[in-house]
Protein backbone atom coordinates (compact mmCIF):
# COMPACT_ATOMS: atom_id res chain seq x y z
CA MET A 1 0.00 0.00 0.00
CA VAL A 2 1.38 3.39 -1.00
CA LEU A 3 1.85 5.79 1.89
CA ARG A 4 -0.31 8.90 1.60
CA LEU A 5 0.44 12.17 3.37
CA PHE A 6 -1.28 15.54 3.18
CA ALA A 7 0.88 18.66 3.37
CA ALA A 8 -0.49 21.50 5.47
CA THR A 9 0.91 24.31 3.33
CA SER A 10 -0.36 26.52 0.53
CA SER A 11 3.16 27.64 -0.45
CA GLN A 12 3.65 26.67 -4.07
CA GLY A 13 7.41 26.58 -3.59
CA LYS A 14 7.19 24.18 -0.66
CA LEU A 15 4.61 22.03 -2.45
CA ARG A 16 6.87 21.81 -5.48
CA ASP A 17 9.77 20.67 -3.30
CA PHE A 18 7.58 18.12 -1.49
CA HIS A 19 6.09 16.75 -4.72
CA THR A 20 9.59 16.22 -6.13
CA ALA A 21 10.68 14.44 -2.96
CA ALA A 22 7.49 12.34 -2.82
CA ALA A 23 7.98 11.17 -6.41
CA ALA A 24 11.53 10.07 -5.60
CA HIS A 25 10.26 8.02 -2.64
CA LYS A 26 7.21 6.70 -4.51
CA ILE A 27 4.72 8.03 -1.97
CA THR A 28 1.63 10.19 -2.38
CA LEU A 29 1.87 13.70 -0.94
CA ASP A 30 -0.95 16.12 -1.73
CA PRO A 31 -2.08 19.46 -0.30
CA LEU A 32 -4.53 19.16 2.58
CA PRO A 33 -8.04 19.38 1.05
CA GLY A 34 -9.86 22.59 1.93
CA LEU A 35 -6.75 24.16 3.40
CA ARG A 36 -7.61 27.62 2.11
CA ASP A 37 -10.88 27.56 4.03
CA ILE A 38 -9.23 26.65 7.34
CA PRO A 39 -8.14 29.61 9.50
CA ALA A 40 -4.38 29.47 9.96
CA PRO A 41 -3.08 28.93 13.50
CA GLU A 42 -0.85 31.49 15.13
CA GLU A 43 2.76 30.41 14.65
CA ASP A 44 4.03 31.68 18.00
CA GLY A 45 6.73 29.09 18.63
CA SER A 46 10.29 30.23 19.24
CA THR A 47 11.80 27.30 17.30
CA PHE A 48 11.14 25.57 13.99
CA GLU A 49 10.15 22.38 15.82
CA GLN A 50 7.59 24.13 18.00
CA ASN A 51 5.91 25.70 14.98
CA ALA A 52 5.98 22.49 12.94
CA ARG A 53 4.40 20.56 15.80
CA LEU A 54 1.65 23.06 16.48
CA LYS A 55 0.71 23.23 12.79
CA ALA A 56 0.71 19.45 12.38
CA VAL A 57 -1.52 18.97 15.44
CA TYR A 58 -3.86 21.80 14.44
CA TYR A 59 -4.40 20.75 10.82
CA SER A 60 -4.63 17.03 11.60
CA ARG A 61 -7.88 17.74 13.45
CA PHE A 62 -9.44 18.75 10.11
CA ALA A 63 -8.68 15.40 8.41
CA SER A 64 -9.74 12.50 10.62
CA GLY A 65 -7.56 9.45 10.28
CA GLU A 66 -5.17 11.00 7.77
CA LEU A 67 -1.45 11.54 8.17
CA ILE A 68 -0.73 15.28 8.06
CA LEU A 69 2.68 16.74 7.32
CA ALA A 70 3.58 20.23 8.52
CA ASP A 71 6.89 22.01 8.28
CA ASP A 72 8.59 25.08 9.59
CA SER A 73 11.73 26.13 7.86
CA GLY A 74 13.90 29.10 7.20
CA LEU A 75 17.29 30.68 6.91
CA GLU A 76 19.83 31.06 9.72
CA VAL A 77 22.68 33.51 9.16
CA ASP A 78 25.59 33.22 11.57
CA ALA A 79 26.62 36.88 11.34
CA LEU A 80 23.04 37.89 12.24
CA ASP A 81 22.94 35.63 15.30
CA GLY A 82 20.72 33.10 13.53
CA ALA A 83 18.27 35.60 12.03
CA PRO A 84 15.93 35.60 10.24
CA GLY A 85 15.26 32.11 11.66
CA VAL A 86 11.61 31.39 12.42
CA ARG A 87 10.77 34.85 11.05
CA SER A 88 12.23 34.04 7.61
CA ALA A 89 8.92 34.36 5.74
CA ARG A 90 8.07 37.58 7.59
CA TYR A 91 11.53 39.16 7.76
CA ALA A 92 10.72 42.18 5.61
CA ALA A 93 7.25 42.60 7.09
CA ASP A 94 8.82 42.73 10.56
CA ALA A 95 10.94 45.61 9.25
CA GLY A 96 7.87 47.39 7.88
CA VAL A 97 8.58 46.53 4.24
CA MET A 98 5.70 44.89 2.39
CA ASP A 99 3.40 45.10 -0.62
CA SER A 100 0.54 47.55 -0.72
CA PRO A 101 -2.88 45.86 -0.32
CA ASP A 102 -3.65 46.29 -4.04
CA ALA A 103 -0.32 44.95 -5.34
CA PRO A 104 -0.96 42.74 -8.43
CA VAL A 105 1.72 40.19 -7.45
CA ASP A 106 3.24 38.97 -4.21
CA ASN A 107 6.73 40.44 -3.82
CA THR A 108 7.40 39.02 -0.35
CA ASP A 109 10.51 37.13 -1.51
CA VAL A 110 11.91 40.26 -3.15
CA TRP A 111 11.47 42.34 0.01
CA ASN A 112 12.86 39.61 2.27
CA ASN A 113 15.98 39.34 0.13
CA MET A 114 16.36 43.12 0.03
CA VAL A 115 16.15 43.43 3.82
CA LEU A 116 18.62 40.56 4.26
CA LEU A 117 21.14 42.26 1.96
CA GLN A 118 20.70 45.55 3.80
CA ARG A 119 21.33 43.89 7.16
CA MET A 120 24.51 42.26 5.80
CA VAL A 121 26.11 45.34 4.27
CA GLY A 122 29.78 45.42 5.22
CA ILE A 123 29.96 41.77 6.32
CA PRO A 124 32.95 40.19 4.50
CA ASP A 125 32.64 37.04 2.42
CA ASP A 126 34.36 34.86 5.01
CA ARG A 127 31.70 35.73 7.60
CA ARG A 128 28.59 35.22 5.46
CA MET A 129 27.98 31.56 6.38
CA ALA A 130 24.37 30.45 6.69
CA ARG A 131 22.14 27.42 6.55
CA TYR A 132 18.66 26.46 5.48
CA ARG A 133 16.94 24.45 8.21
CA CYS A 134 13.67 22.50 8.01
CA VAL A 135 11.75 20.64 10.71
CA LEU A 136 8.89 18.35 9.70
CA ALA A 137 6.17 16.99 11.95
CA ALA A 138 3.73 14.20 11.06
CA ALA A 139 0.50 14.05 13.04
CA ARG A 140 -2.73 12.10 13.00
CA ASP A 141 -5.93 13.11 14.84
CA GLY A 142 -4.23 15.72 17.01
CA THR A 143 -1.17 13.67 17.98
CA VAL A 144 2.37 14.15 16.68
CA LEU A 145 3.80 10.80 15.60
CA HIS A 146 7.28 11.82 14.47
CA THR A 147 9.46 14.83 13.77
CA SER A 148 12.58 15.14 11.66
CA GLU A 149 15.11 17.77 10.69
CA GLY A 150 17.25 18.58 7.70
CA TYR A 151 19.68 21.36 6.88
CA VAL A 152 22.12 22.48 4.23
CA GLU A 153 25.08 24.81 4.69
CA GLY A 154 25.83 27.71 2.37
CA VAL A 155 27.00 31.30 2.01
CA ILE A 156 24.94 34.47 1.51
CA LEU A 157 26.01 36.31 -1.65
CA GLN A 158 26.12 40.08 -2.00
CA ALA A 159 23.77 39.99 -5.01
CA PRO A 160 21.18 37.45 -6.22
CA ARG A 161 21.92 34.82 -8.88
CA GLY A 162 19.48 32.56 -10.72
CA THR A 163 15.76 32.58 -11.43
CA GLY A 164 14.67 29.23 -10.00
CA GLY A 165 13.59 28.29 -6.51
CA PHE A 166 11.92 30.70 -4.11
CA GLY A 167 12.54 32.50 -0.86
CA TYR A 168 16.22 33.25 -0.30
CA ASP A 169 17.41 30.77 -2.96
CA PRO A 170 18.97 33.43 -5.27
CA LEU A 171 21.25 34.55 -2.41
CA PHE A 172 22.03 31.10 -0.98
CA TYR A 173 25.32 29.99 -2.54
CA LEU A 174 26.51 26.38 -2.48
CA PRO A 175 30.34 26.44 -2.63
CA GLU A 176 30.65 22.75 -3.54
CA LEU A 177 28.50 23.28 -6.65
CA ASP A 178 29.60 26.87 -7.41
CA CYS A 179 25.98 27.94 -7.80
CA THR A 180 23.01 29.16 -5.81
CA MET A 181 19.87 27.25 -4.88
CA ALA A 182 18.15 29.26 -7.61
CA GLU A 183 20.52 27.86 -10.25
CA ILE A 184 20.04 24.12 -9.73
CA SER A 185 17.37 21.70 -10.94
CA LEU A 186 14.60 20.36 -8.73
CA GLN A 187 16.30 16.98 -8.77
CA GLN A 188 19.60 18.47 -7.58
CA LYS A 189 17.76 20.48 -4.96
CA LEU A 190 16.04 17.35 -3.65
CA ALA A 191 19.40 15.59 -3.24
CA LEU A 192 20.82 18.28 -0.97
CA SER A 193 18.00 20.54 0.22
CA HIS A 194 16.87 20.88 3.82
CA ARG A 195 13.32 19.78 2.91
CA GLY A 196 14.51 16.75 0.97
CA ARG A 197 16.78 15.67 3.83
CA ALA A 198 14.08 16.25 6.44
CA LEU A 199 11.53 14.25 4.44
CA ASP A 200 13.99 11.40 3.95
CA ALA A 201 14.62 11.28 7.71
CA LEU A 202 10.88 11.36 8.44
CA LEU A 203 10.10 8.55 6.02
CA GLN A 204 12.71 6.38 7.70
CA LYS A 205 10.83 6.87 10.98
CA LEU A 206 7.59 5.99 9.20
CA HIS A 207 9.34 2.83 7.91
CA VAL A 208 8.91 3.66 4.23
């Protein structure tokens, strides 16, 4: 029997990463049905694991008997004392930089990258180390069954490169590949990304 999970996220970038990983593991991973009609919980945890757990528990109560996958992930920059961390998706908004209500497209990634570059002005290349971190939680009927973690080390560039990926990918440089996360294929990204590694670790706990 093929394992089926439902992802509690509406992020197209995350869903794309998860679908690629699911295909590689020959499992079914679909968005949680009706997710857009479910009020989002307040992500008030101070760590990725706390937020992943609370989302998994919350959303699993809307899908009786199903295995729900929730993640919390983001960027940790050493020179910024681990920021933006759990505030990665809201980094620019926290600084008061965001789209106007009538903006035709969502420029959140653009603003987040801009604020990150501003905060890192003057930091030399040898102190721009960072990592992407992801924590996954799998829950059923309000109970967390397993959690897992994955991360990938990199360096924050002084200007974006590449048009693929999402989030901070154009600034996240992988020295061993001499390219950014925005310059690699989905298959390459799966092999080394924080989400791919976290999902692989979770599936081992689920005995897949």
